[in-house]
Amino acid sequence: ELQDFLLAEKQKAQFHAQIHEFNDFCWDKCVDKPGAKLDSRTESCITN
């Protein structure tokens, strides 16, 4: 049970790290100037 719990927690941490990596990389690539709202071009770029 402890091993299963630790594995699940490790996988959660890896998932969160991956999300942060997506955010950093794709934000830098797609967002020219932050605004109150994303325009459709920026939204498409981030999605892709």
All heavy atoms as atom14 arrays in JSON, in Angstrom:
{
  "sequence": "ELQDFLLAEKQKAQFHAQIHEFNDFCWDKCVDKPGAKLDSRTESCITN",
  "atom14_mask": [
    [1, 1, 1, 1, 1, 1, 1, 1, 1, 0, 0, 0, 0, 0],
    [1, 1, 1, 1, 1, 1, 1, 1, 0, 0, 0, 0, 0, 0],
    [1, 1, 1, 1, 1, 1, 1, 1, 1, 0, 0, 0, 0, 0],
    [1, 1, 1, 1, 1, 1, 1, 1, 0, 0, 0, 0, 0, 0],
    [1, 1, 1, 1, 1, 1, 1, 1, 1, 1, 1, 0, 0, 0],
    [1, 1, 1, 1, 1, 1, 1, 1, 0, 0, 0, 0, 0, 0],
    [1, 1, 1, 1, 1, 1, 1, 1, 0, 0, 0, 0, 0, 0],
    [1, 1, 1, 1, 1, 0, 0, 0, 0, 0, 0, 0, 0, 0],
    [1, 1, 1, 1, 1, 1, 1, 1, 1, 0, 0, 0, 0, 0],
    [1, 1, 1, 1, 1, 1, 1, 1, 1, 0, 0, 0, 0, 0],
    [1, 1, 1, 1, 1, 1, 1, 1, 1, 0, 0, 0, 0, 0],
    [1, 1, 1, 1, 1, 1, 1, 1, 1, 0, 0, 0, 0, 0],
    [1, 1, 1, 1, 1, 0, 0, 0, 0, 0, 0, 0, 0, 0],
    [1, 1, 1, 1, 1, 1, 1, 1, 1, 0, 0, 0, 0, 0],
    [1, 1, 1, 1, 1, 1, 1, 1, 1, 1, 1, 0, 0, 0],
    [1, 1, 1, 1, 1, 1, 1, 1, 1, 1, 0, 0, 0, 0],
    [1, 1, 1, 1, 1, 0, 0, 0, 0, 0, 0, 0, 0, 0],
    [1, 1, 1, 1, 1, 1, 1, 1, 1, 0, 0, 0, 0, 0],
    [1, 1, 1, 1, 1, 1, 1, 1, 0, 0, 0, 0, 0, 0],
    [1, 1, 1, 1, 1, 1, 1, 1, 1, 1, 0, 0, 0, 0],
    [1, 1, 1, 1, 1, 1, 1, 1, 1, 0, 0, 0, 0, 0],
    [1, 1, 1, 1, 1, 1, 1, 1, 1, 1, 1, 0, 0, 0],
    [1, 1, 1, 1, 1, 1, 1, 1, 0, 0, 0, 0, 0, 0],
    [1, 1, 1, 1, 1, 1, 1, 1, 0, 0, 0, 0, 0, 0],
    [1, 1, 1, 1, 1, 1, 1, 1, 1, 1, 1, 0, 0, 0],
    [1, 1, 1, 1, 1, 1, 0, 0, 0, 0, 0, 0, 0, 0],
    [1, 1, 1, 1, 1, 1, 1, 1, 1, 1, 1, 1, 1, 1],
    [1, 1, 1, 1, 1, 1, 1, 1, 0, 0, 0, 0, 0, 0],
    [1, 1, 1, 1, 1, 1, 1, 1, 1, 0, 0, 0, 0, 0],
    [1, 1, 1, 1, 1, 1, 0, 0, 0, 0, 0, 0, 0, 0],
    [1, 1, 1, 1, 1, 1, 1, 0, 0, 0, 0, 0, 0, 0],
    [1, 1, 1, 1, 1, 1, 1, 1, 0, 0, 0, 0, 0, 0],
    [1, 1, 1, 1, 1, 1, 1, 1, 1, 0, 0, 0, 0, 0],
    [1, 1, 1, 1, 1, 1, 1, 0, 0, 0, 0, 0, 0, 0],
    [1, 1, 1, 1, 0, 0, 0, 0, 0, 0, 0, 0, 0, 0],
    [1, 1, 1, 1, 1, 0, 0, 0, 0, 0, 0, 0, 0, 0],
    [1, 1, 1, 1, 1, 1, 1, 1, 1, 0, 0, 0, 0, 0],
    [1, 1, 1, 1, 1, 1, 1, 1, 0, 0, 0, 0, 0, 0],
    [1, 1, 1, 1, 1, 1, 1, 1, 0, 0, 0, 0, 0, 0],
    [1, 1, 1, 1, 1, 1, 0, 0, 0, 0, 0, 0, 0, 0],
    [1, 1, 1, 1, 1, 1, 1, 1, 1, 1, 1, 0, 0, 0],
    [1, 1, 1, 1, 1, 1, 1, 0, 0, 0, 0, 0, 0, 0],
    [1, 1, 1, 1, 1, 1, 1, 1, 1, 0, 0, 0, 0, 0],
    [1, 1, 1, 1, 1, 1, 0, 0, 0, 0, 0, 0, 0, 0],
    [1, 1, 1, 1, 1, 1, 0, 0, 0, 0, 0, 0, 0, 0],
    [1, 1, 1, 1, 1, 1, 1, 1, 0, 0, 0, 0, 0, 0],
    [1, 1, 1, 1, 1, 1, 1, 0, 0, 0, 0, 0, 0, 0],
    [1, 1, 1, 1, 1, 1, 1, 1, 0, 0, 0, 0, 0, 0]
  ],
  "atom14_positions": [
    [[0.83, -1.2, 0.0], [0.0, 0.0, 0.0], [0.86, 1.25, 0.0], [0.56, 2.21, -0.71], [-0.92, 0.02, 1.22], [-2.07, -0.94, 1.13], [-2.94, -0.91, 2.37], [-3.06, 0.17, 3.01], [-3.5, -1.96, 2.71], [0.0, 0.0, 0.0], [0.0, 0.0, 0.0], [0.0, 0.0, 0.0], [0.0, 0.0, 0.0], [0.0, 0.0, 0.0]],
    [[1.93, 1.24, 0.78], [2.84, 2.39, 0.83], [3.5, 2.59, -0.53], [3.57, 3.72, -1.02], [3.9, 2.2, 1.92], [4.92, 3.33, 2.04], [4.24, 4.66, 2.36], [5.96, 3.0, 3.09], [0.0, 0.0, 0.0], [0.0, 0.0, 0.0], [0.0, 0.0, 0.0], [0.0, 0.0, 0.0], [0.0, 0.0, 0.0], [0.0, 0.0, 0.0]],
    [[3.96, 1.52, -1.15], [4.59, 1.62, -2.47], [3.6, 2.16, -3.5], [3.95, 3.0, -4.32], [5.15, 0.26, -2.92], [6.34, -0.2, -2.12], [7.53, 0.73, -2.26], [7.78, 1.29, -3.32], [8.26, 0.91, -1.18], [0.0, 0.0, 0.0], [0.0, 0.0, 0.0], [0.0, 0.0, 0.0], [0.0, 0.0, 0.0], [0.0, 0.0, 0.0]],
    [[2.37, 1.66, -3.46], [1.34, 2.14, -4.39], [1.07, 3.63, -4.17], [0.94, 4.39, -5.13], [0.04, 1.35, -4.22], [0.15, -0.08, -4.71], [1.13, -0.4, -5.43], [-0.74, -0.89, -4.38], [0.0, 0.0, 0.0], [0.0, 0.0, 0.0], [0.0, 0.0, 0.0], [0.0, 0.0, 0.0], [0.0, 0.0, 0.0], [0.0, 0.0, 0.0]],
    [[0.98, 4.03, -2.9], [0.73, 5.44, -2.57], [1.88, 6.31, -3.08], [1.66, 7.34, -3.7], [0.56, 5.61, -1.06], [0.46, 7.05, -0.63], [-0.72, 7.75, -0.81], [1.54, 7.68, -0.06], [-0.81, 9.08, -0.43], [1.47, 9.01, 0.33], [0.28, 9.71, 0.14], [0.0, 0.0, 0.0], [0.0, 0.0, 0.0], [0.0, 0.0, 0.0]],
    [[3.12, 5.88, -2.8], [4.28, 6.65, -3.23], [4.36, 6.75, -4.75], [4.69, 7.8, -5.29], [5.57, 6.05, -2.66], [5.74, 6.17, -1.15], [6.99, 5.4, -0.69], [5.8, 7.62, -0.71], [0.0, 0.0, 0.0], [0.0, 0.0, 0.0], [0.0, 0.0, 0.0], [0.0, 0.0, 0.0], [0.0, 0.0, 0.0], [0.0, 0.0, 0.0]],
    [[4.05, 5.66, -5.44], [4.04, 5.69, -6.91], [2.99, 6.66, -7.43], [3.26, 7.45, -8.33], [3.79, 4.28, -7.46], [3.74, 4.17, -8.98], [5.07, 4.58, -9.61], [3.38, 2.75, -9.39], [0.0, 0.0, 0.0], [0.0, 0.0, 0.0], [0.0, 0.0, 0.0], [0.0, 0.0, 0.0], [0.0, 0.0, 0.0], [0.0, 0.0, 0.0]],
    [[1.79, 6.63, -6.83], [0.72, 7.55, -7.25], [1.14, 9.0, -7.01], [0.91, 9.87, -7.85], [-0.57, 7.23, -6.5], [0.0, 0.0, 0.0], [0.0, 0.0, 0.0], [0.0, 0.0, 0.0], [0.0, 0.0, 0.0], [0.0, 0.0, 0.0], [0.0, 0.0, 0.0], [0.0, 0.0, 0.0], [0.0, 0.0, 0.0], [0.0, 0.0, 0.0]],
    [[1.76, 9.27, -5.87], [2.21, 10.64, -5.58], [3.31, 11.08, -6.54], [3.33, 12.23, -6.98], [2.69, 10.74, -4.13], [1.58, 10.63, -3.11], [0.5, 11.7, -3.27], [0.85, 12.89, -3.31], [-0.68, 11.34, -3.37], [0.0, 0.0, 0.0], [0.0, 0.0, 0.0], [0.0, 0.0, 0.0], [0.0, 0.0, 0.0], [0.0, 0.0, 0.0]],
    [[4.21, 10.15, -6.88], [5.28, 10.48, -7.84], [4.67, 10.8, -9.2], [5.08, 11.75, -9.86], [6.24, 9.3, -7.94], [7.4, 9.55, -8.88], [8.34, 8.36, -8.93], [9.46, 8.6, -9.9], [10.35, 7.45, -10.02], [0.0, 0.0, 0.0], [0.0, 0.0, 0.0], [0.0, 0.0, 0.0], [0.0, 0.0, 0.0], [0.0, 0.0, 0.0]],
    [[3.69, 10.01, -9.62], [3.03, 10.25, -10.9], [2.3, 11.58, -10.91], [2.33, 12.31, -11.9], [2.07, 9.11, -11.23], [2.79, 7.83, -11.58], [1.86, 6.64, -11.73], [0.76, 6.62, -11.19], [2.33, 5.63, -12.44], [0.0, 0.0, 0.0], [0.0, 0.0, 0.0], [0.0, 0.0, 0.0], [0.0, 0.0, 0.0], [0.0, 0.0, 0.0]],
    [[1.66, 11.94, -9.79], [0.99, 13.24, -9.69], [2.0, 14.37, -9.83], [1.76, 15.35, -10.53], [0.27, 13.39, -8.35], [-1.03, 12.65, -8.23], [-1.67, 12.99, -6.9], [-2.59, 11.92, -6.43], [-3.1, 12.18, -5.08], [0.0, 0.0, 0.0], [0.0, 0.0, 0.0], [0.0, 0.0, 0.0], [0.0, 0.0, 0.0], [0.0, 0.0, 0.0]],
    [[3.13, 14.22, -9.14], [4.17, 15.26, -9.2], [4.71, 15.4, -10.62], [4.94, 16.52, -11.1], [5.29, 14.93, -8.22], [0.0, 0.0, 0.0], [0.0, 0.0, 0.0], [0.0, 0.0, 0.0], [0.0, 0.0, 0.0], [0.0, 0.0, 0.0], [0.0, 0.0, 0.0], [0.0, 0.0, 0.0], [0.0, 0.0, 0.0], [0.0, 0.0, 0.0]],
    [[4.92, 14.27, -11.3], [5.41, 14.31, -12.68], [4.37, 14.98, -13.6], [4.73, 15.75, -14.49], [5.73, 12.91, -13.18], [6.96, 12.32, -12.53], [7.17, 10.85, -12.89], [6.22, 10.12, -13.18], [8.41, 10.41, -12.83], [0.0, 0.0, 0.0], [0.0, 0.0, 0.0], [0.0, 0.0, 0.0], [0.0, 0.0, 0.0], [0.0, 0.0, 0.0]],
    [[3.11, 14.68, -13.37], [2.04, 15.28, -14.16], [2.02, 16.79, -13.97], [1.96, 17.56, -14.94], [0.69, 14.66, -13.76], [-0.49, 15.27, -14.46], [-0.75, 14.96, -15.79], [-1.33, 16.14, -13.8], [-1.84, 15.53, -16.45], [-2.42, 16.71, -14.45], [-2.67, 16.39, -15.77], [0.0, 0.0, 0.0], [0.0, 0.0, 0.0], [0.0, 0.0, 0.0]],
    [[2.11, 17.24, -12.72], [2.11, 18.68, -12.44], [3.34, 19.36, -13.04], [3.24, 20.47, -13.58], [2.03, 18.94, -10.94], [0.68, 18.63, -10.36], [-0.41, 19.44, -10.54], [0.25, 17.6, -9.61], [-1.46, 18.92, -9.94], [-1.08, 17.79, -9.36], [0.0, 0.0, 0.0], [0.0, 0.0, 0.0], [0.0, 0.0, 0.0], [0.0, 0.0, 0.0]],
    [[4.48, 18.69, -12.97], [5.7, 19.26, -13.57], [5.53, 19.39, -15.08], [5.96, 20.39, -15.67], [6.91, 18.39, -13.23], [0.0, 0.0, 0.0], [0.0, 0.0, 0.0], [0.0, 0.0, 0.0], [0.0, 0.0, 0.0], [0.0, 0.0, 0.0], [0.0, 0.0, 0.0], [0.0, 0.0, 0.0], [0.0, 0.0, 0.0], [0.0, 0.0, 0.0]],
    [[4.9, 18.41, -15.71], [4.67, 18.44, -17.15], [3.74, 19.61, -17.51], [3.99, 20.32, -18.48], [4.06, 17.12, -17.62], [4.01, 16.95, -19.12], [5.35, 16.62, -19.7], [6.08, 15.82, -19.16], [5.68, 17.22, -20.82], [0.0, 0.0, 0.0], [0.0, 0.0, 0.0], [0.0, 0.0, 0.0], [0.0, 0.0, 0.0], [0.0, 0.0, 0.0]],
    [[2.71, 19.82, -16.72], [1.79, 20.93, -16.96], [2.53, 22.26, -16.88], [2.36, 23.14, -17.73], [0.62, 20.91, -15.94], [-0.25, 19.68, -16.15], [-0.21, 22.2, -16.03], [-0.99, 19.61, -17.46], [0.0, 0.0, 0.0], [0.0, 0.0, 0.0], [0.0, 0.0, 0.0], [0.0, 0.0, 0.0], [0.0, 0.0, 0.0], [0.0, 0.0, 0.0]],
    [[3.39, 22.41, -15.87], [4.16, 23.65, -15.75], [5.1, 23.83, -16.94], [5.29, 24.95, -17.43], [4.94, 23.67, -14.43], [4.07, 23.89, -13.24], [3.44, 25.07, -12.99], [3.71, 23.05, -12.25], [2.73, 24.97, -11.88], [2.87, 23.75, -11.42], [0.0, 0.0, 0.0], [0.0, 0.0, 0.0], [0.0, 0.0, 0.0], [0.0, 0.0, 0.0]],
    [[5.67, 22.73, -17.4], [6.56, 22.81, -18.56], [5.78, 23.25, -19.8], [6.24, 24.1, -20.57], [7.22, 21.45, -18.79], [8.39, 21.5, -19.71], [9.15, 20.18, -19.79], [8.93, 19.29, -18.95], [9.95, 20.06, -20.72], [0.0, 0.0, 0.0], [0.0, 0.0, 0.0], [0.0, 0.0, 0.0], [0.0, 0.0, 0.0], [0.0, 0.0, 0.0]],
    [[4.56, 22.68, -20.0], [3.7, 23.12, -21.11], [3.44, 24.61, -21.01], [3.57, 25.36, -21.98], [2.32, 22.44, -21.07], [2.28, 20.98, -21.34], [1.21, 20.23, -20.88], [3.29, 20.33, -22.03], [1.14, 18.87, -21.12], [3.22, 18.97, -22.28], [2.14, 18.24, -21.82], [0.0, 0.0, 0.0], [0.0, 0.0, 0.0], [0.0, 0.0, 0.0]],
    [[3.03, 25.04, -19.82], [2.7, 26.45, -19.61], [3.87, 27.35, -19.97], [3.71, 28.32, -20.71], [2.29, 26.71, -18.16], [0.9, 26.2, -17.84], [0.11, 25.92, -18.73], [0.62, 26.06, -16.57], [0.0, 0.0, 0.0], [0.0, 0.0, 0.0], [0.0, 0.0, 0.0], [0.0, 0.0, 0.0], [0.0, 0.0, 0.0], [0.0, 0.0, 0.0]],
    [[5.03, 27.05, -19.44], [6.21, 27.89, -19.67], [6.57, 27.94, -21.15], [6.74, 29.02, -21.73], [7.41, 27.39, -18.87], [7.27, 27.64, -17.38], [6.41, 28.45, -16.98], [8.03, 27.01, -16.62], [0.0, 0.0, 0.0], [0.0, 0.0, 0.0], [0.0, 0.0, 0.0], [0.0, 0.0, 0.0], [0.0, 0.0, 0.0], [0.0, 0.0, 0.0]],
    [[6.71, 26.77, -21.76], [7.14, 26.7, -23.14], [6.12, 27.36, -24.07], [6.48, 28.22, -24.89], [7.36, 25.23, -23.54], [7.81, 25.07, -24.97], [9.14, 25.23, -25.3], [6.91, 24.76, -25.97], [9.57, 25.1, -26.62], [7.32, 24.63, -27.28], [8.66, 24.79, -27.61], [0.0, 0.0, 0.0], [0.0, 0.0, 0.0], [0.0, 0.0, 0.0]],
    [[4.87, 26.98, -23.94], [3.85, 27.47, -24.86], [3.51, 28.94, -24.62], [3.21, 29.67, -25.56], [2.61, 26.6, -24.79], [2.92, 24.91, -25.4], [0.0, 0.0, 0.0], [0.0, 0.0, 0.0], [0.0, 0.0, 0.0], [0.0, 0.0, 0.0], [0.0, 0.0, 0.0], [0.0, 0.0, 0.0], [0.0, 0.0, 0.0], [0.0, 0.0, 0.0]],
    [[3.59, 29.39, -23.38], [3.37, 30.82, -23.09], [4.43, 31.65, -23.8], [4.12, 32.62, -24.49], [3.39, 31.07, -21.59], [3.13, 32.49, -21.22], [4.04, 33.49, -21.08], [1.85, 33.09, -20.98], [3.43, 34.66, -20.75], [2.09, 34.46, -20.69], [0.54, 32.6, -20.98], [1.05, 35.33, -20.39], [-0.48, 33.48, -20.69], [-0.23, 34.83, -20.4]],
    [[5.69, 31.24, -23.61], [6.79, 31.99, -24.24], [6.67, 31.99, -25.76], [6.97, 32.97, -26.42], [8.15, 31.41, -23.82], [8.46, 31.67, -22.35], [7.82, 32.55, -21.74], [9.35, 30.97, -21.82], [0.0, 0.0, 0.0], [0.0, 0.0, 0.0], [0.0, 0.0, 0.0], [0.0, 0.0, 0.0], [0.0, 0.0, 0.0], [0.0, 0.0, 0.0]],
    [[6.23, 30.88, -26.32], [6.14, 30.74, -27.77], [4.95, 31.52, -28.34], [5.06, 32.09, -29.43], [6.01, 29.26, -28.12], [5.89, 28.95, -29.59], [5.88, 27.45, -29.8], [5.63, 27.04, -31.23], [6.28, 27.79, -32.26], [0.0, 0.0, 0.0], [0.0, 0.0, 0.0], [0.0, 0.0, 0.0], [0.0, 0.0, 0.0], [0.0, 0.0, 0.0]],
    [[3.84, 31.58, -27.63], [2.59, 32.05, -28.22], [2.09, 33.42, -27.76], [1.33, 34.06, -28.48], [1.47, 31.04, -27.94], [1.77, 29.42, -28.7], [0.0, 0.0, 0.0], [0.0, 0.0, 0.0], [0.0, 0.0, 0.0], [0.0, 0.0, 0.0], [0.0, 0.0, 0.0], [0.0, 0.0, 0.0], [0.0, 0.0, 0.0], [0.0, 0.0, 0.0]],
    [[2.47, 33.84, -26.59], [1.89, 35.06, -26.04], [2.87, 36.22, -26.23], [3.93, 36.25, -25.62], [1.51, 34.89, -24.55], [0.94, 36.19, -23.99], [0.52, 33.75, -24.37], [0.0, 0.0, 0.0], [0.0, 0.0, 0.0], [0.0, 0.0, 0.0], [0.0, 0.0, 0.0], [0.0, 0.0, 0.0], [0.0, 0.0, 0.0], [0.0, 0.0, 0.0]],
    [[2.48, 37.16, -27.11], [3.31, 38.33, -27.37], [3.19, 39.34, -26.23], [4.17, 39.76, -25.65], [2.91, 39.0, -28.68], [3.15, 38.1, -29.88], [4.11, 37.31, -29.84], [2.37, 38.18, -30.84], [0.0, 0.0, 0.0], [0.0, 0.0, 0.0], [0.0, 0.0, 0.0], [0.0, 0.0, 0.0], [0.0, 0.0, 0.0], [0.0, 0.0, 0.0]],
    [[1.96, 39.72, -25.96], [1.72, 40.69, -24.88], [0.46, 40.26, -24.13], [-0.61, 40.14, -24.72], [1.59, 42.1, -25.43], [0.59, 42.27, -26.54], [0.63, 43.7, -27.07], [-0.45, 44.01, -28.01], [-0.55, 43.53, -29.28], [0.0, 0.0, 0.0], [0.0, 0.0, 0.0], [0.0, 0.0, 0.0], [0.0, 0.0, 0.0], [0.0, 0.0, 0.0]],
    [[0.61, 40.0, -22.84], [-0.55, 39.57, -22.05], [-1.62, 40.66, -22.02], [-1.31, 41.85, -21.96], [0.01, 39.34, -20.65], [1.49, 39.34, -20.79], [1.83, 40.05, -22.05], [0.0, 0.0, 0.0], [0.0, 0.0, 0.0], [0.0, 0.0, 0.0], [0.0, 0.0, 0.0], [0.0, 0.0, 0.0], [0.0, 0.0, 0.0], [0.0, 0.0, 0.0]],
    [[-2.84, 40.25, -22.09], [-3.97, 41.17, -22.01], [-5.04, 40.59, -21.11], [-4.85, 39.55, -20.48], [0.0, 0.0, 0.0], [0.0, 0.0, 0.0], [0.0, 0.0, 0.0], [0.0, 0.0, 0.0], [0.0, 0.0, 0.0], [0.0, 0.0, 0.0], [0.0, 0.0, 0.0], [0.0, 0.0, 0.0], [0.0, 0.0, 0.0], [0.0, 0.0, 0.0]],
    [[-6.17, 41.24, -21.09], [-7.28, 40.78, -20.26], [-7.88, 39.48, -20.81], [-8.5, 38.71, -20.08], [-8.36, 41.85, -20.17], [0.0, 0.0, 0.0], [0.0, 0.0, 0.0], [0.0, 0.0, 0.0], [0.0, 0.0, 0.0], [0.0, 0.0, 0.0], [0.0, 0.0, 0.0], [0.0, 0.0, 0.0], [0.0, 0.0, 0.0], [0.0, 0.0, 0.0]],
    [[-7.65, 39.23, -22.1], [-8.28, 38.1, -22.77], [-7.35, 37.61, -23.88], [-6.62, 38.41, -24.48], [-9.6, 38.59, -23.33], [-10.53, 37.57, -23.85], [-11.84, 38.24, -24.22], [-12.6, 37.33, -25.14], [-13.9, 37.83, -25.51], [0.0, 0.0, 0.0], [0.0, 0.0, 0.0], [0.0, 0.0, 0.0], [0.0, 0.0, 0.0], [0.0, 0.0, 0.0]],
    [[-7.37, 36.3, -24.16], [-6.56, 35.77, -25.26], [-7.29, 35.98, -26.58], [-8.49, 35.71, -26.68], [-6.32, 34.27, -25.08], [-5.49, 33.83, -23.88], [-5.41, 32.3, -23.85], [-4.11, 34.42, -23.92], [0.0, 0.0, 0.0], [0.0, 0.0, 0.0], [0.0, 0.0, 0.0], [0.0, 0.0, 0.0], [0.0, 0.0, 0.0], [0.0, 0.0, 0.0]],
    [[-6.56, 36.42, -27.59], [-7.19, 36.51, -28.91], [-7.2, 35.11, -29.53], [-6.56, 34.19, -29.04], [-6.5, 37.54, -29.8], [-5.04, 37.22, -30.09], [-4.66, 36.03, -30.09], [-4.26, 38.18, -30.31], [0.0, 0.0, 0.0], [0.0, 0.0, 0.0], [0.0, 0.0, 0.0], [0.0, 0.0, 0.0], [0.0, 0.0, 0.0], [0.0, 0.0, 0.0]],
    [[-7.94, 34.95, -30.61], [-8.12, 33.61, -31.2], [-6.8, 33.04, -31.72], [-6.56, 31.84, -31.63], [-9.17, 33.63, -32.3], [-8.76, 34.49, -33.34], [0.0, 0.0, 0.0], [0.0, 0.0, 0.0], [0.0, 0.0, 0.0], [0.0, 0.0, 0.0], [0.0, 0.0, 0.0], [0.0, 0.0, 0.0], [0.0, 0.0, 0.0], [0.0, 0.0, 0.0]],
    [[-5.93, 33.89, -32.25], [-4.63, 33.42, -32.76], [-3.79, 32.86, -31.61], [-3.21, 31.78, -31.72], [-3.89, 34.56, -33.45], [-2.56, 34.12, -34.08], [-1.68, 35.3, -34.47], [-1.18, 36.06, -33.34], [-0.15, 35.66, -32.57], [0.47, 34.53, -32.81], [0.25, 36.41, -31.56], [0.0, 0.0, 0.0], [0.0, 0.0, 0.0], [0.0, 0.0, 0.0]],
    [[-3.75, 33.57, -30.5], [-2.97, 33.13, -29.35], [-3.55, 31.84, -28.77], [-2.82, 30.91, -28.44], [-2.93, 34.23, -28.27], [-2.38, 35.42, -28.84], [-2.09, 33.81, -27.08], [0.0, 0.0, 0.0], [0.0, 0.0, 0.0], [0.0, 0.0, 0.0], [0.0, 0.0, 0.0], [0.0, 0.0, 0.0], [0.0, 0.0, 0.0], [0.0, 0.0, 0.0]],
    [[-4.87, 31.79, -28.68], [-5.53, 30.59, -28.16], [-5.24, 29.38, -29.03], [-4.92, 28.29, -28.54], [-7.03, 30.83, -28.05], [-7.76, 29.74, -27.3], [-9.22, 30.08, -27.07], [-9.6, 31.27, -27.09], [-9.98, 29.13, -26.86], [0.0, 0.0, 0.0], [0.0, 0.0, 0.0], [0.0, 0.0, 0.0], [0.0, 0.0, 0.0], [0.0, 0.0, 0.0]],
    [[-5.3, 29.55, -30.35], [-4.98, 28.45, -31.28], [-3.53, 28.02, -31.14], [-3.22, 26.82, -31.16], [-5.23, 28.88, -32.72], [-6.58, 29.01, -32.97], [0.0, 0.0, 0.0], [0.0, 0.0, 0.0], [0.0, 0.0, 0.0], [0.0, 0.0, 0.0], [0.0, 0.0, 0.0], [0.0, 0.0, 0.0], [0.0, 0.0, 0.0], [0.0, 0.0, 0.0]],
    [[-2.64, 29.0, -31.02], [-1.22, 28.7, -30.88], [-0.97, 27.87, -29.62], [-0.27, 26.86, -29.65], [-0.42, 30.0, -30.85], [1.36, 29.74, -30.65], [0.0, 0.0, 0.0], [0.0, 0.0, 0.0], [0.0, 0.0, 0.0], [0.0, 0.0, 0.0], [0.0, 0.0, 0.0], [0.0, 0.0, 0.0], [0.0, 0.0, 0.0], [0.0, 0.0, 0.0]],
    [[-1.58, 28.29, -28.51], [-1.38, 27.57, -27.25], [-1.95, 26.16, -27.35], [-1.3, 25.18, -26.94], [-1.99, 28.34, -26.06], [-1.16, 29.6, -25.79], [-2.08, 27.47, -24.82], [-1.74, 30.53, -24.77], [0.0, 0.0, 0.0], [0.0, 0.0, 0.0], [0.0, 0.0, 0.0], [0.0, 0.0, 0.0], [0.0, 0.0, 0.0], [0.0, 0.0, 0.0]],
    [[-3.13, 26.02, -27.92], [-3.76, 24.7, -28.09], [-2.87, 23.79, -28.93], [-2.59, 22.65, -28.55], [-5.15, 24.84, -28.73], [-5.97, 25.63, -27.88], [-5.79, 23.48, -28.95], [0.0, 0.0, 0.0], [0.0, 0.0, 0.0], [0.0, 0.0, 0.0], [0.0, 0.0, 0.0], [0.0, 0.0, 0.0], [0.0, 0.0, 0.0], [0.0, 0.0, 0.0]],
    [[-2.43, 24.28, -30.07], [-1.57, 23.48, -30.96], [-0.24, 23.14, -30.29], [0.27, 22.03, -30.42], [-1.32, 24.21, -32.27], [-2.55, 24.25, -33.15], [-3.4, 23.38, -33.08], [-2.65, 25.28, -33.96], [0.0, 0.0, 0.0], [0.0, 0.0, 0.0], [0.0, 0.0, 0.0], [0.0, 0.0, 0.0], [0.0, 0.0, 0.0], [0.0, 0.0, 0.0]]
  ]
}
